[in-house]
Amino acid sequence: MTRSEATVEEYLEGLPDDVRARVEEIRRIVHEVVPDAGETISYAMPTFTVHGQPLVHVAAWKQHIGLYPLPPLDAALTAEVAPYRGTKDTMKLPHAQPLPRDLVARVVQALVQRRRC
């Protein structure tokens, strides 16, 4: 996976088919939660924006997809995200596990809510 892409489409084109499908599913989730989200490349990874400001970064790695950064979450969501925590502000979605679609949507919604505060 190269890290010099200029567009999200170029980033996706550089991924193996199975990983590309997972990143595209995350992309669909973000746009379902935030229909007017913008897309750009920032820090060499796809970045979804709201009103021109970064909302969430998505990066494909060999063993997982990372979502960055995670805000402080309520207790229930924190507990659900716990098995996917990489570092304090990272969510790791292993390729070997089904994508937790509903959980990703709730995390994106939490990011949107935090942006509104």
N, C-alpha and C. Protein backbone atom coordinates (compact mmCIF):
# COMPACT_ATOMS: atom_id res chain seq x y z
N MET A 1 0.84 -1.18 0.00
CA MET A 1 0.00 0.00 0.00
C MET A 1 0.89 1.24 0.00
N THR A 2 0.76 2.02 -1.02
CA THR A 2 1.56 3.24 -1.09
C THR A 2 0.89 4.32 -0.27
N ARG A 3 1.65 5.34 0.07
CA ARG A 3 1.14 6.42 0.90
C ARG A 3 1.34 7.78 0.25
N SER A 4 1.34 7.83 -1.08
CA SER A 4 1.57 9.11 -1.76
C SER A 4 0.39 9.51 -2.64
N GLU A 5 -0.78 8.95 -2.39
CA GLU A 5 -1.93 9.23 -3.20
C GLU A 5 -2.43 10.66 -2.98
N ALA A 6 -2.99 11.24 -4.03
CA ALA A 6 -3.49 12.61 -3.95
C ALA A 6 -4.99 12.66 -3.71
N THR A 7 -5.70 11.58 -4.05
CA THR A 7 -7.15 11.54 -3.87
C THR A 7 -7.56 10.26 -3.15
N VAL A 8 -8.76 10.27 -2.62
CA VAL A 8 -9.27 9.08 -1.97
C VAL A 8 -9.38 7.94 -2.98
N GLU A 9 -9.81 8.26 -4.19
CA GLU A 9 -9.92 7.22 -5.23
C GLU A 9 -8.56 6.58 -5.50
N GLU A 10 -7.51 7.38 -5.59
CA GLU A 10 -6.17 6.83 -5.81
C GLU A 10 -5.75 5.96 -4.64
N TYR A 11 -6.07 6.39 -3.43
CA TYR A 11 -5.75 5.60 -2.24
C TYR A 11 -6.44 4.24 -2.35
N LEU A 12 -7.72 4.24 -2.67
CA LEU A 12 -8.48 2.99 -2.77
C LEU A 12 -7.93 2.09 -3.87
N GLU A 13 -7.54 2.67 -5.00
CA GLU A 13 -6.99 1.89 -6.11
C GLU A 13 -5.72 1.14 -5.71
N GLY A 14 -5.00 1.67 -4.74
CA GLY A 14 -3.75 1.05 -4.32
C GLY A 14 -3.92 -0.07 -3.30
N LEU A 15 -5.14 -0.37 -2.93
CA LEU A 15 -5.40 -1.39 -1.91
C LEU A 15 -5.75 -2.74 -2.53
N PRO A 16 -5.43 -3.83 -1.83
CA PRO A 16 -5.92 -5.14 -2.27
C PRO A 16 -7.46 -5.12 -2.29
N ASP A 17 -8.05 -5.93 -3.16
CA ASP A 17 -9.50 -5.91 -3.33
C ASP A 17 -10.27 -6.07 -2.03
N ASP A 18 -9.87 -7.02 -1.19
CA ASP A 18 -10.62 -7.28 0.05
C ASP A 18 -10.53 -6.10 1.00
N VAL A 19 -9.38 -5.48 1.09
CA VAL A 19 -9.20 -4.32 1.97
C VAL A 19 -9.94 -3.12 1.40
N ARG A 20 -9.87 -2.95 0.08
CA ARG A 20 -10.58 -1.85 -0.57
C ARG A 20 -12.07 -1.94 -0.26
N ALA A 21 -12.63 -3.12 -0.33
CA ALA A 21 -14.06 -3.29 -0.05
C ALA A 21 -14.40 -2.86 1.38
N ARG A 22 -13.53 -3.15 2.33
CA ARG A 22 -13.77 -2.76 3.72
C ARG A 22 -13.67 -1.24 3.89
N VAL A 23 -12.69 -0.63 3.27
CA VAL A 23 -12.55 0.83 3.36
C VAL A 23 -13.74 1.50 2.67
N GLU A 24 -14.16 0.96 1.54
CA GLU A 24 -15.32 1.52 0.85
C GLU A 24 -16.59 1.38 1.70
N GLU A 25 -16.70 0.30 2.46
CA GLU A 25 -17.85 0.15 3.35
C GLU A 25 -17.81 1.21 4.45
N ILE A 26 -16.65 1.47 5.00
CA ILE A 26 -16.52 2.53 6.00
C ILE A 26 -16.88 3.87 5.37
N ARG A 27 -16.44 4.08 4.16
CA ARG A 27 -16.78 5.31 3.42
C ARG A 27 -18.29 5.47 3.31
N ARG A 28 -18.98 4.37 2.95
CA ARG A 28 -20.45 4.42 2.84
C ARG A 28 -21.09 4.74 4.19
N ILE A 29 -20.56 4.15 5.25
CA ILE A 29 -21.09 4.40 6.59
C ILE A 29 -20.96 5.88 6.93
N VAL A 30 -19.77 6.44 6.71
CA VAL A 30 -19.56 7.85 7.02
C VAL A 30 -20.56 8.71 6.25
N HIS A 31 -20.76 8.42 5.00
CA HIS A 31 -21.68 9.23 4.19
C HIS A 31 -23.14 9.00 4.56
N GLU A 32 -23.47 7.84 5.11
CA GLU A 32 -24.83 7.63 5.62
C GLU A 32 -25.07 8.48 6.85
N VAL A 33 -24.07 8.56 7.73
CA VAL A 33 -24.19 9.34 8.95
C VAL A 33 -24.07 10.83 8.65
N VAL A 34 -23.17 11.19 7.75
CA VAL A 34 -22.91 12.59 7.41
C VAL A 34 -22.98 12.73 5.88
N PRO A 35 -24.19 12.84 5.34
CA PRO A 35 -24.35 12.86 3.88
C PRO A 35 -23.52 13.93 3.17
N ASP A 36 -23.26 15.05 3.82
CA ASP A 36 -22.51 16.11 3.16
C ASP A 36 -21.03 16.12 3.54
N ALA A 37 -20.53 15.01 4.07
CA ALA A 37 -19.11 14.93 4.42
C ALA A 37 -18.25 15.10 3.18
N GLY A 38 -17.19 15.87 3.34
CA GLY A 38 -16.21 16.01 2.26
C GLY A 38 -15.17 14.92 2.38
N GLU A 39 -14.34 14.80 1.37
CA GLU A 39 -13.27 13.81 1.36
C GLU A 39 -11.99 14.47 0.87
N THR A 40 -10.90 14.11 1.51
CA THR A 40 -9.59 14.60 1.09
C THR A 40 -8.55 13.59 1.57
N ILE A 41 -7.31 13.83 1.21
CA ILE A 41 -6.20 13.06 1.76
C ILE A 41 -5.47 13.98 2.72
N SER A 42 -5.30 13.52 3.93
CA SER A 42 -4.57 14.27 4.95
C SER A 42 -3.76 13.26 5.75
N TYR A 43 -2.52 13.61 6.05
CA TYR A 43 -1.61 12.69 6.72
C TYR A 43 -1.52 11.37 5.94
N ALA A 44 -1.59 11.44 4.61
CA ALA A 44 -1.45 10.31 3.70
C ALA A 44 -2.56 9.28 3.86
N MET A 45 -3.74 9.71 4.34
CA MET A 45 -4.86 8.79 4.46
C MET A 45 -6.17 9.50 4.15
N PRO A 46 -7.17 8.73 3.72
CA PRO A 46 -8.48 9.34 3.48
C PRO A 46 -8.99 10.03 4.74
N THR A 47 -9.47 11.23 4.56
CA THR A 47 -9.99 12.02 5.67
C THR A 47 -11.35 12.55 5.28
N PHE A 48 -12.31 12.32 6.15
CA PHE A 48 -13.66 12.83 5.94
C PHE A 48 -13.78 14.13 6.71
N THR A 49 -14.38 15.12 6.08
CA THR A 49 -14.45 16.45 6.67
C THR A 49 -15.90 16.92 6.81
N VAL A 50 -16.09 17.84 7.73
CA VAL A 50 -17.36 18.52 7.91
C VAL A 50 -17.06 20.01 7.94
N HIS A 51 -17.66 20.76 7.04
CA HIS A 51 -17.41 22.20 6.92
C HIS A 51 -15.91 22.48 6.78
N GLY A 52 -15.23 21.62 6.02
CA GLY A 52 -13.81 21.80 5.76
C GLY A 52 -12.87 21.37 6.86
N GLN A 53 -13.41 20.94 7.99
CA GLN A 53 -12.58 20.51 9.12
C GLN A 53 -12.57 18.99 9.21
N PRO A 54 -11.42 18.39 9.53
CA PRO A 54 -11.34 16.93 9.62
C PRO A 54 -12.32 16.36 10.66
N LEU A 55 -12.99 15.29 10.27
CA LEU A 55 -13.88 14.58 11.18
C LEU A 55 -13.25 13.26 11.60
N VAL A 56 -12.83 12.47 10.61
CA VAL A 56 -12.20 11.17 10.91
C VAL A 56 -11.25 10.81 9.77
N HIS A 57 -10.12 10.23 10.15
CA HIS A 57 -9.13 9.71 9.20
C HIS A 57 -9.29 8.19 9.17
N VAL A 58 -9.07 7.60 8.00
CA VAL A 58 -9.18 6.15 7.84
C VAL A 58 -7.90 5.68 7.15
N ALA A 59 -7.24 4.68 7.74
CA ALA A 59 -6.01 4.17 7.14
C ALA A 59 -6.05 2.65 7.08
N ALA A 60 -5.68 2.11 5.93
CA ALA A 60 -5.60 0.67 5.74
C ALA A 60 -4.18 0.21 6.05
N TRP A 61 -4.09 -0.75 6.93
CA TRP A 61 -2.81 -1.35 7.30
C TRP A 61 -2.85 -2.83 6.95
N LYS A 62 -1.73 -3.51 7.13
CA LYS A 62 -1.63 -4.91 6.74
C LYS A 62 -2.67 -5.79 7.45
N GLN A 63 -2.87 -5.56 8.74
CA GLN A 63 -3.75 -6.42 9.53
C GLN A 63 -5.08 -5.78 9.92
N HIS A 64 -5.21 -4.47 9.71
CA HIS A 64 -6.42 -3.79 10.18
C HIS A 64 -6.65 -2.47 9.43
N ILE A 65 -7.80 -1.89 9.70
CA ILE A 65 -8.10 -0.52 9.26
C ILE A 65 -8.17 0.31 10.53
N GLY A 66 -7.52 1.46 10.52
CA GLY A 66 -7.55 2.34 11.67
C GLY A 66 -8.44 3.54 11.43
N LEU A 67 -9.19 3.92 12.46
CA LEU A 67 -9.98 5.15 12.46
C LEU A 67 -9.38 6.06 13.51
N TYR A 68 -9.15 7.33 13.14
CA TYR A 68 -8.48 8.28 14.02
C TYR A 68 -9.17 9.64 13.93
N PRO A 69 -9.15 10.46 14.89
CA PRO A 69 -9.00 10.14 16.31
C PRO A 69 -10.37 9.86 16.91
N LEU A 70 -10.39 9.10 17.96
CA LEU A 70 -11.63 8.84 18.68
C LEU A 70 -11.74 9.83 19.82
N PRO A 71 -12.89 10.45 19.96
CA PRO A 71 -13.07 11.38 21.08
C PRO A 71 -13.40 10.60 22.33
N PRO A 72 -13.45 11.27 23.47
CA PRO A 72 -13.99 10.60 24.65
C PRO A 72 -15.43 10.18 24.31
N LEU A 73 -15.78 8.98 24.68
CA LEU A 73 -17.10 8.44 24.37
C LEU A 73 -17.87 8.19 25.65
N ASP A 74 -19.20 8.08 25.54
CA ASP A 74 -19.98 7.75 26.74
C ASP A 74 -19.61 6.33 27.19
N ALA A 75 -19.98 5.99 28.41
CA ALA A 75 -19.56 4.72 29.02
C ALA A 75 -19.97 3.51 28.20
N ALA A 76 -21.20 3.50 27.69
CA ALA A 76 -21.68 2.34 26.94
C ALA A 76 -20.90 2.17 25.64
N LEU A 77 -20.68 3.27 24.92
CA LEU A 77 -19.94 3.19 23.66
C LEU A 77 -18.47 2.87 23.91
N THR A 78 -17.92 3.41 24.98
CA THR A 78 -16.53 3.09 25.35
C THR A 78 -16.37 1.59 25.54
N ALA A 79 -17.32 0.96 26.22
CA ALA A 79 -17.26 -0.48 26.46
C ALA A 79 -17.34 -1.27 25.15
N GLU A 80 -18.17 -0.82 24.23
CA GLU A 80 -18.30 -1.52 22.95
C GLU A 80 -17.06 -1.35 22.07
N VAL A 81 -16.45 -0.20 22.16
CA VAL A 81 -15.26 0.09 21.35
C VAL A 81 -14.00 -0.57 21.95
N ALA A 82 -14.01 -0.85 23.23
CA ALA A 82 -12.83 -1.36 23.94
C ALA A 82 -12.10 -2.50 23.20
N PRO A 83 -12.79 -3.51 22.68
CA PRO A 83 -12.06 -4.58 21.99
C PRO A 83 -11.33 -4.12 20.73
N TYR A 84 -11.69 -2.95 20.23
CA TYR A 84 -11.10 -2.43 18.99
C TYR A 84 -10.09 -1.30 19.24
N ARG A 85 -9.84 -0.98 20.48
CA ARG A 85 -8.91 0.12 20.78
C ARG A 85 -7.50 -0.29 20.44
N GLY A 86 -6.82 0.60 19.73
CA GLY A 86 -5.40 0.41 19.47
C GLY A 86 -4.63 1.22 20.49
N THR A 87 -4.80 2.51 20.43
CA THR A 87 -4.25 3.42 21.42
C THR A 87 -5.44 4.21 21.95
N LYS A 88 -5.17 5.14 22.79
CA LYS A 88 -6.24 5.93 23.42
C LYS A 88 -7.22 6.51 22.40
N ASP A 89 -6.70 6.99 21.27
CA ASP A 89 -7.59 7.66 20.31
C ASP A 89 -7.69 6.96 18.96
N THR A 90 -7.46 5.64 18.95
CA THR A 90 -7.49 4.87 17.71
C THR A 90 -8.44 3.69 17.83
N MET A 91 -9.17 3.44 16.76
CA MET A 91 -10.01 2.26 16.67
C MET A 91 -9.43 1.38 15.57
N LYS A 92 -9.07 0.13 15.92
CA LYS A 92 -8.51 -0.82 14.95
C LYS A 92 -9.58 -1.84 14.58
N LEU A 93 -9.81 -1.98 13.30
CA LEU A 93 -10.80 -2.92 12.78
C LEU A 93 -10.05 -4.01 12.03
N PRO A 94 -9.79 -5.14 12.70
CA PRO A 94 -9.00 -6.22 12.08
C PRO A 94 -9.66 -6.77 10.82
N HIS A 95 -8.84 -7.03 9.81
CA HIS A 95 -9.35 -7.59 8.57
C HIS A 95 -9.94 -8.99 8.79
N ALA A 96 -9.45 -9.70 9.79
CA ALA A 96 -9.88 -11.08 10.04
C ALA A 96 -11.25 -11.15 10.73
N GLN A 97 -11.82 -10.02 11.08
CA GLN A 97 -13.12 -10.00 11.74
C GLN A 97 -14.13 -9.25 10.89
N PRO A 98 -15.41 -9.61 11.03
CA PRO A 98 -16.43 -8.84 10.30
C PRO A 98 -16.40 -7.38 10.72
N LEU A 99 -16.69 -6.51 9.80
CA LEU A 99 -16.72 -5.08 10.09
C LEU A 99 -17.93 -4.77 10.98
N PRO A 100 -17.70 -4.17 12.15
CA PRO A 100 -18.81 -3.83 13.05
C PRO A 100 -19.51 -2.57 12.58
N ARG A 101 -20.30 -2.73 11.53
CA ARG A 101 -20.91 -1.61 10.82
C ARG A 101 -21.67 -0.67 11.74
N ASP A 102 -22.54 -1.21 12.58
CA ASP A 102 -23.35 -0.36 13.47
C ASP A 102 -22.47 0.39 14.46
N LEU A 103 -21.44 -0.27 14.95
CA LEU A 103 -20.53 0.38 15.90
C LEU A 103 -19.77 1.52 15.21
N VAL A 104 -19.30 1.29 14.01
CA VAL A 104 -18.60 2.35 13.27
C VAL A 104 -19.54 3.53 13.07
N ALA A 105 -20.79 3.26 12.72
CA ALA A 105 -21.76 4.35 12.52
C ALA A 105 -21.96 5.13 13.81
N ARG A 106 -22.04 4.45 14.95
CA ARG A 106 -22.24 5.15 16.22
C ARG A 106 -21.00 5.96 16.60
N VAL A 107 -19.83 5.46 16.29
CA VAL A 107 -18.59 6.21 16.56
C VAL A 107 -18.55 7.46 15.69
N VAL A 108 -18.89 7.33 14.42
CA VAL A 108 -18.91 8.50 13.53
C VAL A 108 -19.93 9.52 14.05
N GLN A 109 -21.08 9.04 14.49
CA GLN A 109 -22.09 9.94 15.05
C GLN A 109 -21.53 10.67 16.28
N ALA A 110 -20.78 9.96 17.13
CA ALA A 110 -20.16 10.59 18.31
C ALA A 110 -19.17 11.66 17.87
N LEU A 111 -18.43 11.40 16.80
CA LEU A 111 -17.50 12.40 16.29
C LEU A 111 -18.25 13.64 15.81
N VAL A 112 -19.37 13.43 15.14
CA VAL A 112 -20.19 14.55 14.66
C VAL A 112 -20.72 15.34 15.86
N GLN A 113 -21.23 14.66 16.86
CA GLN A 113 -21.75 15.34 18.05
C GLN A 113 -20.65 16.15 18.73
N ARG A 114 -19.48 15.59 18.82
CA ARG A 114 -18.37 16.31 19.45
C ARG A 114 -18.03 17.57 18.65
N ARG A 115 -18.10 17.46 17.33
CA ARG A 115 -17.81 18.61 16.46
C ARG A 115 -18.79 19.74 16.72
N ARG A 116 -20.03 19.39 17.02
CA ARG A 116 -21.07 20.41 17.26
C ARG A 116 -20.88 21.13 18.57
N CYS A 117 -20.16 20.54 19.51
CA CYS A 117 -19.96 21.17 20.83
C CYS A 117 -18.97 22.30 20.79
